[in-house]
């Protein structure tokens, strides 16, 4: 059966939510309120999947998470996007905890209270690295004052914790890229409507603004403090942890959306055998590429060259997703487009992977440097 291994993983990790997704139509979720998805994720979606068991989480592997996101993407794209932003951030913090010991307390809190974590990194800005930011930060006696905005920011109205990137000019005049943490109830955090297109609206991706948000020193970490301890190949490892996990989960989520279209085309037994075989070749090829990236993460490979491989894998899957969705759409034909709203919805949604960081244009020099 199509996506059978992914389905098995979903029912092992999130059985109640998996059953709900399987028995509810895709558009029922996508056209519904974002609060419904956030509540489901918090209540039965296991927000602590990527947190180690000793900190109260499930200790799920990268391979399991890739399979889970593929399956969820096929059944509820908006929820898959919510989960991508939450899980890549939490997994990144988990992987970076030996660099940032203070982050372990937050991870334990997330696991204990099933908190949802929003990602306030570089999504939505073209030609940027995921950890770069327009946030301004000023050092004070009490910590750091942060100002700026992030749009779109998934789970704008539903997150409990938000992580974000900042650019900080230190006393020596050096610009540092930092990662900070804020909490939803802080009055310095403002939310504004931003997302206006009808696709992925249930992911609640709007604008979050920080107005003199005070972040304690324990909740603000800078990459140069880590890089001073590392060799050239390891430079930026603290940031790479988040970026590599993001490429894995975003790619998996959108591959799931494309797989949903492919499954509809295959179930209808439409098109020629060659058409159907090409669908399966692209889907399986992308799946195996995804599993290879997941295996690398499970082996704790987060060097600069590993980030380049993760980006290359993502762009390869992105091309496969485009081919799968286009071919499946053509096989299904105009009548399916006119009679099945979810077919048209999935066709557009699959193309949005290209808008997530990092762009191919921004990555060209880095990929040639590391892989050429």
Foldseek 3Di string as FASTA:
>chain_A
DFLPVLLVLQCVQQVVVSVVLVPDAQVVLLVDALVVLLVCCLPRVQLQQCADVVLQGNNDFLLSLLSPLLQVLQRYLLSLVQSLQQVLVLNLCRLCCVVQVLCSVVSSVCNVRVFGEKEQFDFQDALDDRQDDPWEWDQDPQAIWIWDKGFFIFCQPNGQKYKYWYWYQDPVRDTWIKIFMDGDVPPQKDWDADDDDSASVSRVTGMITGHRDGTGNSGMGTQVVVQVVDDPQARPLSVLSSLLSSLLSLLSSLLSLLSSLLVVLVVVVFDDPVLNVLLVVLSVVLSVLSSVSSVCVSVVDRTLLNSLSSVVSSVSSLVSSLVSLVSSLVRVDDVCVVPPVSNVNSSVVSNCSCSTDDHCVSCVVSNVVNPD
